[in-house]
Amino acid sequence: MAINVAKFLDVADGLQANQFSVGSHSEINSFDDLDPIYRQLIDEPVPASFAVLGSDGRPNLTPMWFDYEGSTVLINVASHRKKVEWIREHPRLTILLINPANMYHWMSIKCTVKHELSEDDSEEGARVTAQVDKVWTKYTGNVPPYGLRDPSRDERRVLFECPVDKIATFGKP
């Protein structure tokens, strides 16, 4: 399935007419097809802001680590957190990745949850653990296992697989 990419007119090369509006649309088949200046936002350990509707109907924004496979965003969350309930109730999510060195270089991703895996699942649980270990290493540089499990409980993880619906891009590094 093709992913629509809206490229905003930016100010990286100077002022221009209609800046900050969508300048063009294109389609890609996966993140592999993204322009390298935007691929770096998803491949490097850039903090991501995840938005999901909370129980009061307002967007809940949380900084999180970002991971993907092909054209699918992978969201790994501790099963006891409210965010899991909110994602199940409102499976359409928006993610914003902003270059920490240049706020005028960003990418917004809209995606929808299509599959949920539990770390306790006898068939797919190992994949959930492997994914959180992978993103742990990406963001911290530390070797697995994931080192932030809540020591006060037997923390279990949930992995949401979210195919990408739309992408918006802006700016240059």
C-alpha atoms as a PDB file:
ATOM      1  CA  MET A   1       0.000   0.000   0.000  1.00  0.00           C
ATOM      2  CA  ALA A   2       1.364   3.411  -0.948  1.00  0.00           C
ATOM      3  CA  ILE A   3       2.020   6.059   1.692  1.00  0.00           C
ATOM      4  CA  ASN A   4       1.176   9.670   0.842  1.00  0.00           C
ATOM      5  CA  VAL A   5       4.004  12.086   1.669  1.00  0.00           C
ATOM      6  CA  ALA A   6       3.202  15.797   1.945  1.00  0.00           C
ATOM      7  CA  LYS A   7       6.359  17.891   1.635  1.00  0.00           C
ATOM      8  CA  PHE A   8       5.987  21.295   3.230  1.00  0.00           C
ATOM      9  CA  LEU A   9       7.710  24.315   1.708  1.00  0.00           C
ATOM     10  CA  ASP A  10      10.421  25.164   4.186  1.00  0.00           C
ATOM     11  CA  VAL A  11      12.826  28.002   4.843  1.00  0.00           C
ATOM     12  CA  ALA A  12      16.048  25.955   4.769  1.00  0.00           C
ATOM     13  CA  ASP A  13      17.294  27.745   1.660  1.00  0.00           C
ATOM     14  CA  GLY A  14      15.723  31.124   2.453  1.00  0.00           C
ATOM     15  CA  LEU A  15      12.324  32.720   2.400  1.00  0.00           C
ATOM     16  CA  GLN A  16       9.894  31.717  -0.343  1.00  0.00           C
ATOM     17  CA  ALA A  17       6.303  32.345  -1.351  1.00  0.00           C
ATOM     18  CA  ASN A  18       3.778  30.152   0.471  1.00  0.00           C
ATOM     19  CA  GLN A  19       6.391  28.860   2.921  1.00  0.00           C
ATOM     20  CA  PHE A  20       5.057  26.598   5.673  1.00  0.00           C
ATOM     21  CA  SER A  21       2.353  25.211   3.370  1.00  0.00           C
ATOM     22  CA  VAL A  22       2.345  21.908   1.505  1.00  0.00           C
ATOM     23  CA  GLY A  23       4.387  22.296  -1.654  1.00  0.00           C
ATOM     24  CA  SER A  24       4.072  18.830  -3.143  1.00  0.00           C
ATOM     25  CA  HIS A  25       2.716  15.348  -2.631  1.00  0.00           C
ATOM     26  CA  SER A  26       4.349  12.058  -3.538  1.00  0.00           C
ATOM     27  CA  GLU A  27       3.925   8.396  -2.707  1.00  0.00           C
ATOM     28  CA  ILE A  28       6.350   5.893  -1.249  1.00  0.00           C
ATOM     29  CA  ASN A  29       5.979   2.201  -0.465  1.00  0.00           C
ATOM     30  CA  SER A  30       7.965   2.117   2.785  1.00  0.00           C
ATOM     31  CA  PHE A  31      10.309   4.158   4.940  1.00  0.00           C
ATOM     32  CA  ASP A  32      13.120   2.772   2.775  1.00  0.00           C
ATOM     33  CA  ASP A  33      11.886   5.072  -0.008  1.00  0.00           C
ATOM     34  CA  LEU A  34      12.102   8.267   2.077  1.00  0.00           C
ATOM     35  CA  ASP A  35      14.568  10.990   1.164  1.00  0.00           C
ATOM     36  CA  PRO A  36      17.737  10.394   3.245  1.00  0.00           C
ATOM     37  CA  ILE A  37      17.351  13.754   5.008  1.00  0.00           C
ATOM     38  CA  TYR A  38      14.150  12.406   6.579  1.00  0.00           C
ATOM     39  CA  ARG A  39      15.394   8.830   6.987  1.00  0.00           C
ATOM     40  CA  GLN A  40      17.953  10.153   9.462  1.00  0.00           C
ATOM     41  CA  LEU A  41      15.077  11.275  11.711  1.00  0.00           C
ATOM     42  CA  ILE A  42      13.820   7.697  11.996  1.00  0.00           C
ATOM     43  CA  ASP A  43      17.170   5.899  11.873  1.00  0.00           C
ATOM     44  CA  GLU A  44      19.024   8.026  14.430  1.00  0.00           C
ATOM     45  CA  PRO A  45      18.006   8.155  18.115  1.00  0.00           C
ATOM     46  CA  VAL A  46      15.761  11.206  17.745  1.00  0.00           C
ATOM     47  CA  PRO A  47      13.120  11.573  20.488  1.00  0.00           C
ATOM     48  CA  ALA A  48       9.621  11.117  19.136  1.00  0.00           C
ATOM     49  CA  SER A  49       6.463  12.773  20.444  1.00  0.00           C
ATOM     50  CA  PHE A  50       3.592  10.291  20.324  1.00  0.00           C
ATOM     51  CA  ALA A  51       0.022  11.587  20.356  1.00  0.00           C
ATOM     52  CA  VAL A  52      -2.965   9.428  21.282  1.00  0.00           C
ATOM     53  CA  LEU A  53      -6.377  10.493  22.541  1.00  0.00           C
ATOM     54  CA  GLY A  54      -6.640  10.182  26.310  1.00  0.00           C
ATOM     55  CA  SER A  55      -9.711   9.263  28.337  1.00  0.00           C
ATOM     56  CA  ASP A  56     -10.796  12.919  28.443  1.00  0.00           C
ATOM     57  CA  GLY A  57     -10.817  13.135  24.616  1.00  0.00           C
ATOM     58  CA  ARG A  58      -7.768  15.388  24.420  1.00  0.00           C
ATOM     59  CA  PRO A  59      -4.487  14.408  22.768  1.00  0.00           C
ATOM     60  CA  ASN A  60      -1.964  12.956  25.189  1.00  0.00           C
ATOM     61  CA  LEU A  61       1.618  13.673  24.107  1.00  0.00           C
ATOM     62  CA  THR A  62       4.502  11.555  25.327  1.00  0.00           C
ATOM     63  CA  PRO A  63       8.184  11.540  24.358  1.00  0.00           C
ATOM     64  CA  MET A  64       9.118   8.003  23.331  1.00  0.00           C
ATOM     65  CA  TRP A  65      11.685   6.026  21.404  1.00  0.00           C
ATOM     66  CA  PHE A  66      10.937   5.364  17.725  1.00  0.00           C
ATOM     67  CA  ASP A  67      11.325   2.140  15.774  1.00  0.00           C
ATOM     68  CA  TYR A  68       9.953   0.732  12.547  1.00  0.00           C
ATOM     69  CA  GLU A  69      10.087  -2.138  10.070  1.00  0.00           C
ATOM     70  CA  GLY A  70       9.375  -1.421   6.392  1.00  0.00           C
ATOM     71  CA  SER A  71       6.274   0.784   6.468  1.00  0.00           C
ATOM     72  CA  THR A  72       5.173  -0.227   9.954  1.00  0.00           C
ATOM     73  CA  VAL A  73       5.797   1.809  13.112  1.00  0.00           C
ATOM     74  CA  LEU A  74       6.548  -0.300  16.190  1.00  0.00           C
ATOM     75  CA  ILE A  75       5.343   1.050  19.530  1.00  0.00           C
ATOM     76  CA  ASN A  76       6.515  -0.870  22.590  1.00  0.00           C
ATOM     77  CA  VAL A  77       4.816   0.065  25.869  1.00  0.00           C
ATOM     78  CA  ALA A  78       4.692  -1.391  29.389  1.00  0.00           C
ATOM     79  CA  SER A  79       1.343  -3.170  29.649  1.00  0.00           C
ATOM     80  CA  HIS A  80       0.350  -1.483  32.933  1.00  0.00           C
ATOM     81  CA  ARG A  81       0.526   2.070  31.571  1.00  0.00           C
ATOM     82  CA  LYS A  82      -2.593   4.116  30.731  1.00  0.00           C
ATOM     83  CA  LYS A  83      -1.206   4.668  27.250  1.00  0.00           C
ATOM     84  CA  VAL A  84      -1.956   1.010  26.392  1.00  0.00           C
ATOM     85  CA  GLU A  85      -5.644   1.487  27.220  1.00  0.00           C
ATOM     86  CA  TRP A  86      -5.777   4.731  25.253  1.00  0.00           C
ATOM     87  CA  ILE A  87      -4.123   3.174  22.194  1.00  0.00           C
ATOM     88  CA  ARG A  88      -6.620   0.295  22.277  1.00  0.00           C
ATOM     89  CA  GLU A  89      -9.544   2.735  22.515  1.00  0.00           C
ATOM     90  CA  HIS A  90      -8.175   5.161  19.895  1.00  0.00           C
ATOM     91  CA  PRO A  91      -5.807   3.273  17.567  1.00  0.00           C
ATOM     92  CA  ARG A  92      -5.053   6.230  15.268  1.00  0.00           C
ATOM     93  CA  LEU A  93      -1.764   7.781  16.347  1.00  0.00           C
ATOM     94  CA  THR A  94       0.414  10.701  15.299  1.00  0.00           C
ATOM     95  CA  ILE A  95       4.161  10.813  15.826  1.00  0.00           C
ATOM     96  CA  LEU A  96       6.390  13.862  15.473  1.00  0.00           C
ATOM     97  CA  LEU A  97      10.158  13.542  15.123  1.00  0.00           C
ATOM     98  CA  ILE A  98      12.080  16.829  15.410  1.00  0.00           C
ATOM     99  CA  ASN A  99      15.779  17.140  14.691  1.00  0.00           C
ATOM    100  CA  PRO A 100      17.250  18.184  18.075  1.00  0.00           C
ATOM    101  CA  ALA A 101      19.817  20.360  16.282  1.00  0.00           C
ATOM    102  CA  ASN A 102      17.256  22.148  14.057  1.00  0.00           C
ATOM    103  CA  MET A 103      13.575  22.430  14.936  1.00  0.00           C
ATOM    104  CA  TYR A 104      12.854  23.391  11.324  1.00  0.00           C
ATOM    105  CA  HIS A 105      13.723  19.835  10.230  1.00  0.00           C
ATOM    106  CA  TRP A 106      10.930  17.464  11.195  1.00  0.00           C
ATOM    107  CA  MET A 107       8.652  14.660  10.080  1.00  0.00           C
ATOM    108  CA  SER A 108       5.110  13.855  11.170  1.00  0.00           C
ATOM    109  CA  ILE A 109       3.779  10.304  10.792  1.00  0.00           C
ATOM    110  CA  LYS A 110       0.136   9.269  11.029  1.00  0.00           C
ATOM    111  CA  CYS A 111      -0.463   5.569  11.571  1.00  0.00           C
ATOM    112  CA  THR A 112      -3.138   3.136  12.713  1.00  0.00           C
ATOM    113  CA  VAL A 113      -2.685   0.116  14.959  1.00  0.00           C
ATOM    114  CA  LYS A 114      -3.311  -3.104  13.027  1.00  0.00           C
ATOM    115  CA  HIS A 115      -1.829  -5.717  15.345  1.00  0.00           C
ATOM    116  CA  GLU A 116      -1.001  -6.036  19.030  1.00  0.00           C
ATOM    117  CA  LEU A 117       1.516  -8.510  20.460  1.00  0.00           C
ATOM    118  CA  SER A 118       2.029  -9.371  24.104  1.00  0.00           C
ATOM    119  CA  GLU A 119       5.363 -10.246  25.625  1.00  0.00           C
ATOM    120  CA  ASP A 120       3.524 -13.083  27.417  1.00  0.00           C
ATOM    121  CA  ASP A 121       2.377 -14.682  24.151  1.00  0.00           C
ATOM    122  CA  SER A 122       4.001 -18.106  23.758  1.00  0.00           C
ATOM    123  CA  GLU A 123       4.446 -17.679  19.985  1.00  0.00           C
ATOM    124  CA  GLU A 124       5.146 -13.960  19.479  1.00  0.00           C
ATOM    125  CA  GLY A 125       6.306 -12.796  22.921  1.00  0.00           C
ATOM    126  CA  ALA A 126      10.006 -13.177  22.162  1.00  0.00           C
ATOM    127  CA  ARG A 127       9.584 -10.678  19.302  1.00  0.00           C
ATOM    128  CA  VAL A 128       8.255  -8.061  21.738  1.00  0.00           C
ATOM    129  CA  THR A 129      11.266  -8.550  24.026  1.00  0.00           C
ATOM    130  CA  ALA A 130      13.716  -8.455  21.103  1.00  0.00           C
ATOM    131  CA  GLN A 131      12.189  -5.227  19.800  1.00  0.00           C
ATOM    132  CA  VAL A 132      12.416  -3.397  23.144  1.00  0.00           C
ATOM    133  CA  ASP A 133      16.012  -4.605  23.466  1.00  0.00           C
ATOM    134  CA  LYS A 134      16.767  -3.277  19.963  1.00  0.00           C
ATOM    135  CA  VAL A 135      15.305   0.179  20.593  1.00  0.00           C
ATOM    136  CA  TRP A 136      17.035   0.283  24.017  1.00  0.00           C
ATOM    137  CA  THR A 137      20.375  -0.141  22.256  1.00  0.00           C
ATOM    138  CA  LYS A 138      19.463   2.406  19.544  1.00  0.00           C
ATOM    139  CA  TYR A 139      18.692   5.135  22.092  1.00  0.00           C
ATOM    140  CA  THR A 140      21.115   4.365  24.929  1.00  0.00           C
ATOM    141  CA  GLY A 141      24.014   2.582  23.231  1.00  0.00           C
ATOM    142  CA  ASN A 142      23.788  -0.071  25.947  1.00  0.00           C
ATOM    143  CA  VAL A 143      23.710  -3.773  25.236  1.00  0.00           C
ATOM    144  CA  PRO A 144      20.490  -5.694  25.926  1.00  0.00           C
ATOM    145  CA  PRO A 145      18.508  -6.439  27.894  1.00  0.00           C
ATOM    146  CA  TYR A 146      16.290  -3.356  28.151  1.00  0.00           C
ATOM    147  CA  GLY A 147      17.292  -1.736  31.423  1.00  0.00           C
ATOM    148  CA  LEU A 148      14.289   0.350  32.458  1.00  0.00           C
ATOM    149  CA  ARG A 149      11.784  -2.280  33.553  1.00  0.00           C
ATOM    150  CA  ASP A 150       9.913  -1.198  36.666  1.00  0.00           C
ATOM    151  CA  PRO A 151      11.605  -3.036  39.559  1.00  0.00           C
ATOM    152  CA  SER A 152       8.437  -2.850  41.695  1.00  0.00           C
ATOM    153  CA  ARG A 153       6.510  -5.203  39.391  1.00  0.00           C
ATOM    154  CA  ASP A 154       6.889  -7.975  36.856  1.00  0.00           C
ATOM    155  CA  GLU A 155       6.751  -5.481  33.992  1.00  0.00           C
ATOM    156  CA  ARG A 156       5.447  -6.962  30.759  1.00  0.00           C
ATOM    157  CA  ARG A 157       5.530  -5.232  27.376  1.00  0.00           C
ATOM    158  CA  VAL A 158       2.998  -4.786  24.566  1.00  0.00           C
ATOM    159  CA  LEU A 159       4.058  -4.150  20.964  1.00  0.00           C
ATOM    160  CA  PHE A 160       1.687  -2.299  18.660  1.00  0.00           C
ATOM    161  CA  GLU A 161       2.323  -2.680  14.924  1.00  0.00           C
ATOM    162  CA  CYS A 162       1.075   0.388  13.094  1.00  0.00           C
ATOM    163  CA  PRO A 163       1.169   0.659   9.295  1.00  0.00           C
ATOM    164  CA  VAL A 164       1.832   4.226   8.145  1.00  0.00           C
ATOM    165  CA  ASP A 165      -1.109   6.143   6.673  1.00  0.00           C
ATOM    166  CA  LYS A 166       0.487   9.526   5.901  1.00  0.00           C
ATOM    167  CA  ILE A 167       3.755  11.397   6.322  1.00  0.00           C
ATOM    168  CA  ALA A 168       4.495  15.116   6.328  1.00  0.00           C
ATOM    169  CA  THR A 169       8.060  16.413   5.984  1.00  0.00           C
ATOM    170  CA  PHE A 170       9.654  19.773   6.573  1.00  0.00           C
ATOM    171  CA  GLY A 171      13.105  21.271   6.254  1.00  0.00           C
ATOM    172  CA  LYS A 172      16.684  20.095   6.064  1.00  0.00           C
ATOM    173  CA  PRO A 173      19.233  19.119   8.719  1.00  0.00           C
END
